[in-house]
Amino acid sequence: MADHSMTPERAREIVAAINNRALITIGIDQPLLSIEGVTLAEMLEAKAMVVAQNKRAEAEARQRGGRYSISMVPDDRLIAAAYALQHFAVSQEPILCLPIRDFRASHAAIAVVAVTPTEDDTADEEDGL
């Protein structure tokens, strides 16, 4: 039976691929890194492992003095979004649609939809909206 335990290197690869999606979303031009076949549990395990690595690096640097490096870790919302975009087909149907108590709408929904950014979207981003 194959060993499927998460290595520190694999954890950093998965976290980098998730973070990569946020960077592309904010307009940083780079190739899309693969998360093909990565489960949600593996994404969360990878984040936890990188957080632990960051804490160890900081603790070791405090003990011995000097500099240290840490890795950026994604927020759980980014992990969920990356997972949804990877594993759910583009559709007009929501993945979830639940009633909410809000003066603006009666329901909140999560869906994977196809969009083409417009010039108005770009202008909103430039205006900080």
Protein backbone atom coordinates (compact mmCIF):
# COMPACT_ATOMS: atom_id res chain seq x y z
CA MET A 1 0.00 0.00 0.00
CA ALA A 2 1.34 3.45 -0.94
CA ASP A 3 2.17 6.01 1.74
CA HIS A 4 -0.05 9.07 1.25
CA SER A 5 1.31 11.13 4.13
CA MET A 6 1.79 14.82 3.51
CA THR A 7 5.40 15.95 3.23
CA PRO A 8 6.47 19.52 4.06
CA GLU A 9 7.43 20.03 0.41
CA ARG A 10 4.03 18.84 -0.84
CA ALA A 11 2.27 21.02 1.75
CA ARG A 12 4.15 24.08 0.49
CA GLU A 13 3.31 23.16 -3.15
CA ILE A 14 -0.41 22.88 -2.38
CA VAL A 15 -0.47 26.13 -0.37
CA ALA A 16 1.45 27.93 -3.14
CA ALA A 17 -1.03 26.67 -5.76
CA ILE A 18 -3.98 27.92 -3.68
CA ASN A 19 -2.32 31.31 -3.06
CA ASN A 20 -1.50 31.47 -6.78
CA ARG A 21 -5.22 31.71 -7.55
CA ALA A 22 -5.60 34.79 -5.35
CA LEU A 23 -2.63 36.45 -7.03
CA ILE A 24 -4.06 35.77 -10.50
CA THR A 25 -7.44 37.12 -9.34
CA ILE A 26 -5.91 40.45 -8.31
CA GLY A 27 -4.21 40.76 -11.69
CA ILE A 28 -0.71 39.37 -11.15
CA ASP A 29 0.11 37.60 -14.42
CA GLN A 30 1.49 34.12 -13.79
CA PRO A 31 0.82 30.54 -14.83
CA LEU A 32 -1.94 28.70 -12.97
CA LEU A 33 -0.40 26.11 -10.63
CA SER A 34 -2.13 22.72 -10.45
CA ILE A 35 -4.32 21.43 -7.64
CA GLU A 36 -5.62 18.59 -9.78
CA GLY A 37 -6.67 15.68 -7.59
CA VAL A 38 -6.06 17.54 -4.31
CA THR A 39 -8.87 16.95 -1.83
CA LEU A 40 -10.31 19.54 0.52
CA ALA A 41 -8.88 17.57 3.46
CA GLU A 42 -5.43 17.70 1.85
CA MET A 43 -5.73 21.45 1.30
CA LEU A 44 -6.58 22.00 4.95
CA GLU A 45 -3.84 19.61 6.08
CA ALA A 46 -1.32 21.43 3.89
CA LYS A 47 -2.31 24.79 5.41
CA ALA A 48 -1.99 23.41 8.95
CA MET A 49 1.43 21.96 8.15
CA VAL A 50 2.70 25.25 6.68
CA VAL A 51 1.35 27.20 9.68
CA ALA A 52 3.27 24.79 11.95
CA GLN A 53 6.42 25.20 9.84
CA ASN A 54 6.10 28.99 10.11
CA LYS A 55 5.76 28.79 13.90
CA ARG A 56 8.81 26.49 14.16
CA ALA A 57 10.90 28.83 12.00
CA GLU A 58 9.95 31.80 14.17
CA ALA A 59 10.64 29.92 17.42
CA GLU A 60 14.03 28.70 16.18
CA ALA A 61 15.00 32.21 15.07
CA ARG A 62 14.03 33.65 18.46
CA GLN A 63 16.08 31.01 20.20
CA ARG A 64 19.23 31.37 18.11
CA GLY A 65 18.71 34.89 16.83
CA GLY A 66 18.80 35.98 13.23
CA ARG A 67 16.42 35.98 10.34
CA TYR A 68 13.85 33.45 9.28
CA SER A 69 11.48 32.86 6.40
CA ILE A 70 7.81 32.01 6.50
CA SER A 71 5.31 31.02 3.82
CA MET A 72 2.09 32.87 3.14
CA VAL A 73 -0.93 30.75 4.09
CA PRO A 74 -4.38 31.05 2.52
CA ASP A 75 -7.49 31.99 4.44
CA ASP A 76 -10.02 29.15 4.75
CA ARG A 77 -12.37 31.06 2.41
CA LEU A 78 -9.72 31.01 -0.30
CA ILE A 79 -9.20 27.28 0.24
CA ALA A 80 -12.95 26.68 -0.09
CA ALA A 81 -13.16 28.83 -3.22
CA ALA A 82 -10.16 27.14 -4.85
CA TYR A 83 -11.66 23.74 -4.08
CA ALA A 84 -15.07 24.72 -5.47
CA LEU A 85 -13.62 26.12 -8.69
CA GLN A 86 -11.51 22.99 -9.16
CA HIS A 87 -14.20 20.42 -8.39
CA PHE A 88 -17.53 21.90 -9.54
CA ALA A 89 -18.55 22.50 -13.15
CA VAL A 90 -19.56 25.96 -14.33
CA SER A 91 -23.34 26.20 -14.03
CA GLN A 92 -26.20 28.64 -13.46
CA GLU A 93 -27.33 26.43 -10.57
CA PRO A 94 -26.03 27.31 -7.11
CA ILE A 95 -24.07 24.76 -5.12
CA LEU A 96 -25.82 26.14 -2.02
CA CYS A 97 -28.72 28.59 -1.71
CA LEU A 98 -29.94 29.34 1.79
CA PRO A 99 -32.43 31.83 3.22
CA ILE A 100 -30.90 34.79 5.04
CA ARG A 101 -32.19 37.69 7.08
CA ASP A 102 -30.85 40.69 5.18
CA PHE A 103 -32.56 43.82 3.93
CA ARG A 104 -30.91 43.47 0.49
CA ALA A 105 -31.96 39.93 -0.41
CA SER A 106 -33.81 36.88 0.82
CA HIS A 107 -31.16 34.26 0.00
CA ALA A 108 -27.39 33.85 -0.16
CA ALA A 109 -25.92 31.50 -2.76
CA ILE A 110 -22.61 29.98 -3.71
CA ALA A 111 -22.17 28.98 -7.34
CA VAL A 112 -19.48 28.46 -9.96
CA VAL A 113 -20.45 30.72 -12.84
CA ALA A 114 -18.68 31.79 -16.00
CA VAL A 115 -17.95 35.52 -16.21
CA THR A 116 -16.17 37.84 -18.57
CA PRO A 117 -14.88 40.94 -16.76
CA THR A 118 -16.14 44.15 -18.33
CA GLU A 119 -14.54 47.57 -18.56
CA ASP A 120 -16.84 48.67 -15.70
CA ASP A 121 -15.39 45.90 -13.49
CA THR A 122 -11.88 47.08 -14.27
CA ALA A 123 -12.83 50.70 -13.51
CA ASP A 124 -14.39 49.63 -10.18
CA GLU A 125 -11.17 47.83 -9.24
CA GLU A 126 -9.09 50.87 -10.10
CA ASP A 127 -11.43 53.08 -8.02
CA GLY A 128 -11.01 50.74 -5.06
CA LEU A 129 -14.60 49.50 -5.16
